[in-house]
Amino acid sequence: MISDRREWPDAGFPGVAVNPETLDTEVVDEERCADALAASSDPRDHALVELARGHVSAAAEILVEARYTDPESFRLKVLELDVLRAGNRNDRAVERAQQLLSESKGTPNEAMVLQYLGKIQFSRGNYAAAEKAFSQALELRVAASADASLIYSSTVALGRARELRSREQ
């Protein structure tokens, strides 16, 4: 496990990272996060930070309003997966992830959906399914020469899913 928070995978917003043990987003630098949040008008950023702070209901409210304004935003649809997962609505999250996966097949967004699907399956304790999704996300990200932080995030998540799956056997 990566104990130094500075080595945790980036969650896509300043001061927020992915806990390599739980795969949940967490605020790791409150001051940096607050400064970046104050400068952002993107509701996705605000919802992501609320999730990282453990405020699922607040994140859901922000997301509902944002989706009303921009119902076709793919990034908001993907964030909805994490809100559903964090709210323990995993069955609904898997269902939505499968829909988004069919919409994104063969596009650059496919790896992102697979990563979130892996995270949902991980939360459910279905480590074999999580491992499969993370592995596919990693393969797509490597093949697309994605940003190193995305490849690192998939690598860490895949490693954690494999670790927990091996404990089950």
N, C-alpha and C. Protein backbone atom coordinates (compact mmCIF):
# COMPACT_ATOMS: atom_id res chain seq x y z
N MET A 1 0.83 -1.19 0.00
CA MET A 1 0.00 0.00 0.00
C MET A 1 0.87 1.25 0.00
N ILE A 2 0.37 2.29 -0.61
CA ILE A 2 1.07 3.56 -0.70
C ILE A 2 0.66 4.40 0.51
N SER A 3 1.58 4.54 1.45
CA SER A 3 1.22 5.25 2.68
C SER A 3 1.39 6.76 2.57
N ASP A 4 2.28 7.21 1.70
CA ASP A 4 2.51 8.64 1.54
C ASP A 4 1.42 9.23 0.63
N ARG A 5 0.60 10.10 1.17
CA ARG A 5 -0.51 10.68 0.42
C ARG A 5 -0.05 11.41 -0.85
N ARG A 6 1.17 11.87 -0.85
CA ARG A 6 1.68 12.57 -2.04
C ARG A 6 1.84 11.63 -3.22
N GLU A 7 1.85 10.33 -2.95
CA GLU A 7 1.98 9.34 -4.02
C GLU A 7 0.63 8.73 -4.42
N TRP A 8 -0.44 9.16 -3.76
CA TRP A 8 -1.76 8.66 -4.12
C TRP A 8 -2.11 9.14 -5.53
N PRO A 9 -2.86 8.34 -6.28
CA PRO A 9 -3.25 8.78 -7.62
C PRO A 9 -4.09 10.06 -7.59
N ASP A 10 -3.84 10.89 -8.57
CA ASP A 10 -4.57 12.15 -8.71
C ASP A 10 -6.03 11.86 -9.04
N ALA A 11 -6.93 12.64 -8.45
CA ALA A 11 -8.36 12.46 -8.70
C ALA A 11 -8.90 13.47 -9.70
N GLY A 12 -8.03 14.27 -10.29
CA GLY A 12 -8.47 15.20 -11.32
C GLY A 12 -8.84 16.58 -10.81
N PHE A 13 -8.54 16.86 -9.55
CA PHE A 13 -8.80 18.18 -8.99
C PHE A 13 -7.74 18.48 -7.94
N PRO A 14 -7.23 19.71 -7.91
CA PRO A 14 -6.17 20.04 -6.95
C PRO A 14 -6.57 19.73 -5.50
N GLY A 15 -5.67 19.06 -4.81
CA GLY A 15 -5.89 18.75 -3.40
C GLY A 15 -6.75 17.53 -3.15
N VAL A 16 -7.16 16.85 -4.21
CA VAL A 16 -7.99 15.65 -4.08
C VAL A 16 -7.25 14.48 -4.74
N ALA A 17 -7.23 13.34 -4.04
CA ALA A 17 -6.53 12.17 -4.55
C ALA A 17 -7.36 10.92 -4.28
N VAL A 18 -6.94 9.82 -4.87
CA VAL A 18 -7.62 8.54 -4.71
C VAL A 18 -6.86 7.72 -3.66
N ASN A 19 -7.58 7.35 -2.61
CA ASN A 19 -7.00 6.51 -1.57
C ASN A 19 -6.73 5.13 -2.20
N PRO A 20 -5.47 4.69 -2.23
CA PRO A 20 -5.14 3.44 -2.91
C PRO A 20 -5.66 2.18 -2.21
N GLU A 21 -6.11 2.33 -0.98
CA GLU A 21 -6.65 1.18 -0.25
C GLU A 21 -8.14 1.03 -0.50
N THR A 22 -8.88 2.14 -0.43
CA THR A 22 -10.34 2.10 -0.57
C THR A 22 -10.80 2.46 -1.98
N LEU A 23 -9.95 3.12 -2.74
CA LEU A 23 -10.23 3.65 -4.08
C LEU A 23 -11.27 4.78 -4.05
N ASP A 24 -11.51 5.34 -2.88
CA ASP A 24 -12.38 6.50 -2.73
C ASP A 24 -11.55 7.77 -2.91
N THR A 25 -12.20 8.82 -3.40
CA THR A 25 -11.52 10.11 -3.48
C THR A 25 -11.55 10.75 -2.10
N GLU A 26 -10.46 11.44 -1.77
CA GLU A 26 -10.35 12.11 -0.48
C GLU A 26 -9.64 13.45 -0.69
N VAL A 27 -10.02 14.42 0.11
CA VAL A 27 -9.30 15.69 0.11
C VAL A 27 -8.03 15.45 0.91
N VAL A 28 -6.88 15.68 0.26
CA VAL A 28 -5.60 15.46 0.91
C VAL A 28 -4.87 16.77 1.21
N ASP A 29 -5.34 17.85 0.61
CA ASP A 29 -4.76 19.17 0.86
C ASP A 29 -5.91 20.17 0.84
N GLU A 30 -6.48 20.40 2.02
CA GLU A 30 -7.69 21.23 2.14
C GLU A 30 -7.48 22.65 1.60
N GLU A 31 -6.35 23.25 1.90
CA GLU A 31 -6.11 24.62 1.45
C GLU A 31 -6.03 24.71 -0.08
N ARG A 32 -5.27 23.81 -0.66
CA ARG A 32 -5.15 23.79 -2.14
C ARG A 32 -6.50 23.51 -2.79
N CYS A 33 -7.25 22.59 -2.21
CA CYS A 33 -8.57 22.24 -2.72
C CYS A 33 -9.52 23.43 -2.62
N ALA A 34 -9.55 24.08 -1.47
CA ALA A 34 -10.44 25.22 -1.26
C ALA A 34 -10.12 26.37 -2.22
N ASP A 35 -8.82 26.63 -2.43
CA ASP A 35 -8.42 27.69 -3.37
C ASP A 35 -8.88 27.37 -4.78
N ALA A 36 -8.67 26.14 -5.21
CA ALA A 36 -9.07 25.74 -6.56
C ALA A 36 -10.58 25.75 -6.70
N LEU A 37 -11.28 25.34 -5.67
CA LEU A 37 -12.74 25.33 -5.70
C LEU A 37 -13.30 26.75 -5.79
N ALA A 38 -12.68 27.67 -5.07
CA ALA A 38 -13.12 29.07 -5.11
C ALA A 38 -12.94 29.67 -6.50
N ALA A 39 -11.97 29.17 -7.25
CA ALA A 39 -11.70 29.68 -8.59
C ALA A 39 -12.51 28.97 -9.68
N SER A 40 -13.23 27.93 -9.31
CA SER A 40 -13.96 27.12 -10.29
C SER A 40 -15.45 27.43 -10.29
N SER A 41 -16.00 27.52 -11.48
CA SER A 41 -17.46 27.66 -11.62
C SER A 41 -18.07 26.37 -12.18
N ASP A 42 -17.24 25.35 -12.36
CA ASP A 42 -17.69 24.07 -12.91
C ASP A 42 -18.39 23.26 -11.83
N PRO A 43 -19.67 22.97 -12.00
CA PRO A 43 -20.39 22.20 -10.98
C PRO A 43 -19.80 20.80 -10.77
N ARG A 44 -19.17 20.25 -11.80
CA ARG A 44 -18.54 18.94 -11.67
C ARG A 44 -17.45 18.99 -10.61
N ASP A 45 -16.66 20.06 -10.61
CA ASP A 45 -15.61 20.21 -9.61
C ASP A 45 -16.20 20.26 -8.21
N HIS A 46 -17.27 21.02 -8.06
CA HIS A 46 -17.90 21.17 -6.75
C HIS A 46 -18.49 19.84 -6.27
N ALA A 47 -19.11 19.10 -7.17
CA ALA A 47 -19.66 17.79 -6.81
C ALA A 47 -18.55 16.81 -6.45
N LEU A 48 -17.47 16.81 -7.21
CA LEU A 48 -16.34 15.93 -6.93
C LEU A 48 -15.76 16.19 -5.55
N VAL A 49 -15.61 17.46 -5.20
CA VAL A 49 -15.07 17.81 -3.89
C VAL A 49 -16.04 17.41 -2.77
N GLU A 50 -17.32 17.62 -2.99
CA GLU A 50 -18.29 17.19 -1.98
C GLU A 50 -18.21 15.68 -1.76
N LEU A 51 -18.06 14.92 -2.84
CA LEU A 51 -17.88 13.47 -2.70
C LEU A 51 -16.62 13.16 -1.91
N ALA A 52 -15.54 13.85 -2.24
CA ALA A 52 -14.26 13.61 -1.57
C ALA A 52 -14.34 13.94 -0.08
N ARG A 53 -15.22 14.84 0.26
CA ARG A 53 -15.42 15.21 1.67
C ARG A 53 -16.44 14.29 2.35
N GLY A 54 -17.04 13.38 1.59
CA GLY A 54 -18.01 12.44 2.15
C GLY A 54 -19.42 12.97 2.19
N HIS A 55 -19.69 14.06 1.50
CA HIS A 55 -21.02 14.67 1.47
C HIS A 55 -21.77 14.23 0.22
N VAL A 56 -22.26 13.02 0.24
CA VAL A 56 -22.89 12.42 -0.93
C VAL A 56 -24.17 13.16 -1.32
N SER A 57 -24.99 13.54 -0.36
CA SER A 57 -26.24 14.24 -0.67
C SER A 57 -25.97 15.59 -1.33
N ALA A 58 -24.99 16.32 -0.82
CA ALA A 58 -24.64 17.61 -1.41
C ALA A 58 -24.12 17.43 -2.83
N ALA A 59 -23.30 16.40 -3.05
CA ALA A 59 -22.80 16.12 -4.39
C ALA A 59 -23.95 15.78 -5.33
N ALA A 60 -24.89 14.98 -4.84
CA ALA A 60 -26.04 14.60 -5.66
C ALA A 60 -26.88 15.81 -6.05
N GLU A 61 -27.09 16.73 -5.11
CA GLU A 61 -27.85 17.96 -5.41
C GLU A 61 -27.17 18.79 -6.48
N ILE A 62 -25.88 18.96 -6.35
CA ILE A 62 -25.13 19.73 -7.34
C ILE A 62 -25.24 19.05 -8.70
N LEU A 63 -25.11 17.74 -8.71
CA LEU A 63 -25.17 16.98 -9.95
C LEU A 63 -26.55 17.08 -10.62
N VAL A 64 -27.61 17.01 -9.84
CA VAL A 64 -28.97 17.12 -10.40
C VAL A 64 -29.15 18.46 -11.09
N GLU A 65 -28.72 19.52 -10.43
CA GLU A 65 -28.85 20.85 -11.03
C GLU A 65 -27.99 20.97 -12.29
N ALA A 66 -26.79 20.45 -12.25
CA ALA A 66 -25.90 20.53 -13.41
C ALA A 66 -26.44 19.71 -14.58
N ARG A 67 -26.98 18.53 -14.29
CA ARG A 67 -27.54 17.69 -15.35
C ARG A 67 -28.78 18.33 -15.96
N TYR A 68 -29.52 19.10 -15.17
CA TYR A 68 -30.69 19.81 -15.69
C TYR A 68 -30.24 20.84 -16.72
N THR A 69 -29.15 21.53 -16.43
CA THR A 69 -28.62 22.54 -17.33
C THR A 69 -27.94 21.92 -18.54
N ASP A 70 -27.25 20.81 -18.33
CA ASP A 70 -26.49 20.16 -19.40
C ASP A 70 -26.72 18.65 -19.37
N PRO A 71 -27.91 18.21 -19.80
CA PRO A 71 -28.26 16.79 -19.67
C PRO A 71 -27.42 15.83 -20.50
N GLU A 72 -26.74 16.32 -21.52
CA GLU A 72 -25.95 15.45 -22.38
C GLU A 72 -24.48 15.39 -22.02
N SER A 73 -24.07 16.10 -20.97
CA SER A 73 -22.66 16.11 -20.58
C SER A 73 -22.21 14.71 -20.17
N PHE A 74 -21.26 14.18 -20.92
CA PHE A 74 -20.75 12.85 -20.62
C PHE A 74 -20.02 12.83 -19.28
N ARG A 75 -19.27 13.87 -19.00
CA ARG A 75 -18.52 13.94 -17.73
C ARG A 75 -19.47 13.96 -16.54
N LEU A 76 -20.61 14.62 -16.67
CA LEU A 76 -21.59 14.62 -15.58
C LEU A 76 -22.23 13.25 -15.44
N LYS A 77 -22.49 12.60 -16.56
CA LYS A 77 -23.06 11.25 -16.50
C LYS A 77 -22.11 10.29 -15.79
N VAL A 78 -20.83 10.43 -16.06
CA VAL A 78 -19.84 9.56 -15.41
C VAL A 78 -19.74 9.88 -13.92
N LEU A 79 -19.77 11.16 -13.59
CA LEU A 79 -19.73 11.53 -12.17
C LEU A 79 -20.94 10.98 -11.43
N GLU A 80 -22.06 10.90 -12.12
CA GLU A 80 -23.26 10.33 -11.51
C GLU A 80 -23.00 8.89 -11.05
N LEU A 81 -22.17 8.16 -11.78
CA LEU A 81 -21.82 6.79 -11.38
C LEU A 81 -21.18 6.78 -10.00
N ASP A 82 -20.29 7.74 -9.77
CA ASP A 82 -19.61 7.79 -8.48
C ASP A 82 -20.55 8.22 -7.36
N VAL A 83 -21.47 9.12 -7.68
CA VAL A 83 -22.46 9.54 -6.67
C VAL A 83 -23.36 8.35 -6.31
N LEU A 84 -23.78 7.60 -7.30
CA LEU A 84 -24.61 6.42 -7.03
C LEU A 84 -23.83 5.40 -6.20
N ARG A 85 -22.58 5.18 -6.56
CA ARG A 85 -21.73 4.23 -5.82
C ARG A 85 -21.55 4.69 -4.37
N ALA A 86 -21.22 5.95 -4.19
CA ALA A 86 -21.00 6.47 -2.84
C ALA A 86 -22.27 6.45 -2.01
N GLY A 87 -23.42 6.53 -2.67
CA GLY A 87 -24.70 6.47 -1.98
C GLY A 87 -25.22 5.05 -1.82
N ASN A 88 -24.35 4.07 -2.06
CA ASN A 88 -24.70 2.64 -1.93
C ASN A 88 -25.82 2.22 -2.85
N ARG A 89 -25.89 2.84 -4.00
CA ARG A 89 -26.87 2.43 -5.03
C ARG A 89 -26.10 1.73 -6.14
N ASN A 90 -25.38 0.69 -5.74
CA ASN A 90 -24.45 0.02 -6.65
C ASN A 90 -25.13 -0.68 -7.82
N ASP A 91 -26.30 -1.27 -7.59
CA ASP A 91 -26.99 -1.93 -8.70
C ASP A 91 -27.34 -0.92 -9.79
N ARG A 92 -27.85 0.22 -9.37
CA ARG A 92 -28.19 1.29 -10.32
C ARG A 92 -26.92 1.82 -10.99
N ALA A 93 -25.85 1.93 -10.23
CA ALA A 93 -24.58 2.42 -10.78
C ALA A 93 -24.05 1.47 -11.85
N VAL A 94 -24.13 0.17 -11.60
CA VAL A 94 -23.67 -0.81 -12.59
C VAL A 94 -24.54 -0.71 -13.85
N GLU A 95 -25.84 -0.60 -13.65
CA GLU A 95 -26.76 -0.49 -14.79
C GLU A 95 -26.42 0.74 -15.65
N ARG A 96 -26.23 1.88 -15.00
CA ARG A 96 -25.87 3.12 -15.71
C ARG A 96 -24.50 3.00 -16.38
N ALA A 97 -23.55 2.37 -15.69
CA ALA A 97 -22.22 2.19 -16.26
C ALA A 97 -22.28 1.35 -17.53
N GLN A 98 -23.10 0.30 -17.50
CA GLN A 98 -23.25 -0.54 -18.70
C GLN A 98 -23.84 0.27 -19.87
N GLN A 99 -24.80 1.13 -19.56
CA GLN A 99 -25.37 1.99 -20.60
C GLN A 99 -24.31 2.93 -21.17
N LEU A 100 -23.55 3.56 -20.28
CA LEU A 100 -22.51 4.48 -20.73
C LEU A 100 -21.40 3.75 -21.48
N LEU A 101 -21.13 2.53 -21.08
CA LEU A 101 -20.12 1.74 -21.76
C LEU A 101 -20.54 1.46 -23.20
N SER A 102 -21.82 1.14 -23.40
CA SER A 102 -22.29 0.88 -24.76
C SER A 102 -22.25 2.17 -25.60
N GLU A 103 -22.52 3.32 -24.96
CA GLU A 103 -22.46 4.60 -25.66
C GLU A 103 -21.03 5.01 -26.01
N SER A 104 -20.09 4.61 -25.19
CA SER A 104 -18.71 5.08 -25.35
C SER A 104 -17.79 4.08 -26.03
N LYS A 105 -18.30 2.91 -26.39
CA LYS A 105 -17.48 1.85 -26.99
C LYS A 105 -16.69 2.40 -28.18
N GLY A 106 -15.38 2.20 -28.13
CA GLY A 106 -14.53 2.63 -29.23
C GLY A 106 -14.16 4.11 -29.21
N THR A 107 -14.56 4.83 -28.17
CA THR A 107 -14.24 6.25 -28.06
C THR A 107 -13.21 6.45 -26.95
N PRO A 108 -12.62 7.62 -26.88
CA PRO A 108 -11.68 7.89 -25.78
C PRO A 108 -12.33 7.83 -24.39
N ASN A 109 -13.65 7.93 -24.31
CA ASN A 109 -14.35 7.88 -23.02
C ASN A 109 -14.52 6.46 -22.47
N GLU A 110 -14.30 5.46 -23.29
CA GLU A 110 -14.51 4.08 -22.87
C GLU A 110 -13.66 3.72 -21.65
N ALA A 111 -12.40 4.13 -21.64
CA ALA A 111 -11.52 3.81 -20.52
C ALA A 111 -12.01 4.45 -19.22
N MET A 112 -12.54 5.67 -19.32
CA MET A 112 -13.04 6.35 -18.13
C MET A 112 -14.23 5.58 -17.54
N VAL A 113 -15.13 5.13 -18.39
CA VAL A 113 -16.29 4.39 -17.91
C VAL A 113 -15.85 3.06 -17.29
N LEU A 114 -14.91 2.39 -17.94
CA LEU A 114 -14.41 1.13 -17.38
C LEU A 114 -13.76 1.34 -16.02
N GLN A 115 -13.05 2.43 -15.86
CA GLN A 115 -12.43 2.73 -14.56
C GLN A 115 -13.51 2.89 -13.48
N TYR A 116 -14.56 3.63 -13.81
CA TYR A 116 -15.64 3.82 -12.83
C TYR A 116 -16.40 2.51 -12.59
N LEU A 117 -16.59 1.72 -13.63
CA LEU A 117 -17.24 0.42 -13.46
C LEU A 117 -16.40 -0.46 -12.51
N GLY A 118 -15.10 -0.42 -12.68
CA GLY A 118 -14.22 -1.16 -11.78
C GLY A 118 -14.37 -0.68 -10.35
N LYS A 119 -14.46 0.61 -10.18
CA LYS A 119 -14.60 1.18 -8.84
C LYS A 119 -15.93 0.76 -8.20
N ILE A 120 -16.97 0.71 -9.00
CA ILE A 120 -18.28 0.27 -8.49
C ILE A 120 -18.20 -1.20 -8.06
N GLN A 121 -17.63 -2.03 -8.92
CA GLN A 121 -17.52 -3.45 -8.60
C GLN A 121 -16.62 -3.66 -7.38
N PHE A 122 -15.58 -2.85 -7.26
CA PHE A 122 -14.69 -2.91 -6.10
C PHE A 122 -15.48 -2.61 -4.83
N SER A 123 -16.31 -1.57 -4.88
CA SER A 123 -17.13 -1.19 -3.72
C SER A 123 -18.10 -2.30 -3.33
N ARG A 124 -18.54 -3.06 -4.30
CA ARG A 124 -19.45 -4.17 -4.04
C ARG A 124 -18.73 -5.40 -3.50
N GLY A 125 -17.41 -5.37 -3.53
CA GLY A 125 -16.64 -6.53 -3.11
C GLY A 125 -16.50 -7.57 -4.20
N ASN A 126 -16.86 -7.21 -5.42
CA ASN A 126 -16.73 -8.11 -6.56
C ASN A 126 -15.37 -7.82 -7.21
N TYR A 127 -14.31 -8.35 -6.59
CA TYR A 127 -12.95 -8.01 -7.00
C TYR A 127 -12.57 -8.58 -8.36
N ALA A 128 -13.14 -9.73 -8.74
CA ALA A 128 -12.85 -10.29 -10.06
C ALA A 128 -13.38 -9.36 -11.16
N ALA A 129 -14.61 -8.89 -11.00
CA ALA A 129 -15.19 -7.96 -11.99
C ALA A 129 -14.45 -6.63 -11.97
N ALA A 130 -14.04 -6.18 -10.79
CA ALA A 130 -13.27 -4.93 -10.69
C ALA A 130 -11.94 -5.09 -11.41
N GLU A 131 -11.29 -6.21 -11.17
CA GLU A 131 -10.00 -6.47 -11.82
C GLU A 131 -10.15 -6.45 -13.34
N LYS A 132 -11.18 -7.07 -13.84
CA LYS A 132 -11.41 -7.10 -15.29
C LYS A 132 -11.61 -5.68 -15.85
N ALA A 133 -12.44 -4.89 -15.19
CA ALA A 133 -12.71 -3.53 -15.67
C ALA A 133 -11.46 -2.66 -15.59
N PHE A 134 -10.75 -2.73 -14.47
CA PHE A 134 -9.53 -1.94 -14.32
C PHE A 134 -8.48 -2.34 -15.36
N SER A 135 -8.38 -3.64 -15.61
CA SER A 135 -7.42 -4.14 -16.60
C SER A 135 -7.75 -3.61 -17.99
N GLN A 136 -9.03 -3.63 -18.35
CA GLN A 136 -9.44 -3.11 -19.65
C GLN A 136 -9.19 -1.61 -19.74
N ALA A 137 -9.49 -0.89 -18.67
CA ALA A 137 -9.25 0.56 -18.65
C ALA A 137 -7.76 0.84 -18.83
N LEU A 138 -6.94 0.09 -18.12
CA LEU A 138 -5.50 0.28 -18.22
C LEU A 138 -5.00 0.01 -19.64
N GLU A 139 -5.45 -1.09 -20.23
CA GLU A 139 -5.04 -1.42 -21.61
C GLU A 139 -5.42 -0.30 -22.58
N LEU A 140 -6.63 0.20 -22.45
CA LEU A 140 -7.07 1.28 -23.35
C LEU A 140 -6.27 2.55 -23.11
N ARG A 141 -6.00 2.86 -21.86
CA ARG A 141 -5.24 4.08 -21.55
C ARG A 141 -3.80 3.98 -22.06
N VAL A 142 -3.18 2.84 -21.89
CA VAL A 142 -1.82 2.65 -22.39
C VAL A 142 -1.82 2.74 -23.92
N ALA A 143 -2.76 2.05 -24.56
CA ALA A 143 -2.83 2.06 -26.03
C ALA A 143 -3.05 3.47 -26.59
N ALA A 144 -3.77 4.29 -25.84
CA ALA A 144 -4.06 5.65 -26.29
C ALA A 144 -3.00 6.66 -25.84
N SER A 145 -1.95 6.15 -25.18
CA SER A 145 -0.92 7.04 -24.61
C SER A 145 -1.56 8.13 -23.76
N ALA A 146 -2.46 7.71 -22.89
CA ALA A 146 -3.17 8.63 -22.01
C ALA A 146 -2.19 9.29 -21.05
N ASP A 147 -2.66 10.31 -20.39
CA ASP A 147 -1.87 11.01 -19.38
C ASP A 147 -1.36 10.00 -18.35
N ALA A 148 -0.13 10.20 -17.93
CA ALA A 148 0.50 9.28 -16.98
C ALA A 148 -0.30 9.14 -15.69
N SER A 149 -0.97 10.21 -15.25
CA SER A 149 -1.75 10.12 -14.01
C SER A 149 -2.93 9.16 -14.16
N LEU A 150 -3.52 9.10 -15.35
CA LEU A 150 -4.62 8.17 -15.58
C LEU A 150 -4.13 6.72 -15.61
N ILE A 151 -2.99 6.52 -16.24
CA ILE A 151 -2.39 5.18 -16.29
C ILE A 151 -2.01 4.73 -14.88
N TYR A 152 -1.45 5.64 -14.10
CA TYR A 152 -1.08 5.33 -12.72
C TYR A 152 -2.31 4.97 -11.89
N SER A 153 -3.37 5.74 -12.05
CA SER A 153 -4.61 5.48 -11.31
C SER A 153 -5.15 4.09 -11.63
N SER A 154 -5.18 3.73 -12.90
CA SER A 154 -5.65 2.41 -13.30
C SER A 154 -4.74 1.31 -12.77
N THR A 155 -3.44 1.56 -12.79
CA THR A 155 -2.47 0.58 -12.31
C THR A 155 -2.64 0.32 -10.82
N VAL A 156 -2.79 1.38 -10.05
CA VAL A 156 -2.98 1.25 -8.60
C VAL A 156 -4.29 0.52 -8.30
N ALA A 157 -5.36 0.90 -8.98
CA ALA A 157 -6.67 0.27 -8.76
C ALA A 157 -6.62 -1.22 -9.12
N LEU A 158 -5.99 -1.53 -10.25
CA LEU A 158 -5.87 -2.93 -10.66
C LEU A 158 -5.07 -3.73 -9.65
N GLY A 159 -3.99 -3.16 -9.16
CA GLY A 159 -3.18 -3.84 -8.16
C GLY A 159 -3.96 -4.11 -6.88
N ARG A 160 -4.75 -3.14 -6.46
CA ARG A 160 -5.54 -3.32 -5.22
C ARG A 160 -6.62 -4.38 -5.41
N ALA A 161 -7.28 -4.37 -6.56
CA ALA A 161 -8.31 -5.38 -6.83
C ALA A 161 -7.69 -6.78 -6.86
N ARG A 162 -6.53 -6.89 -7.48
CA ARG A 162 -5.84 -8.20 -7.53
C ARG A 162 -5.43 -8.65 -6.14
N GLU A 163 -4.95 -7.71 -5.33
CA GLU A 163 -4.54 -8.04 -3.96
C GLU A 163 -5.72 -8.60 -3.17
N LEU A 164 -6.85 -7.92 -3.23
CA LEU A 164 -8.02 -8.37 -2.46
C LEU A 164 -8.61 -9.66 -3.03
N ARG A 165 -8.55 -9.81 -4.34
CA ARG A 165 -9.06 -11.04 -4.95
C ARG A 165 -8.20 -12.23 -4.52
N SER A 166 -6.89 -12.03 -4.46
CA SER A 166 -6.01 -13.14 -4.07
C SER A 166 -6.24 -13.55 -2.61
N ARG A 167 -6.68 -12.62 -1.78
CA ARG A 167 -6.98 -12.94 -0.38
C ARG A 167 -8.22 -13.82 -0.27
N GLU A 168 -9.11 -13.70 -1.25
CA GLU A 168 -10.34 -14.49 -1.23
C GLU A 168 -10.09 -15.95 -1.60
N GLN A 169 -9.03 -16.18 -2.32
CA GLN A 169 -8.79 -17.53 -2.84
C GLN A 169 -8.08 -18.42 -1.87
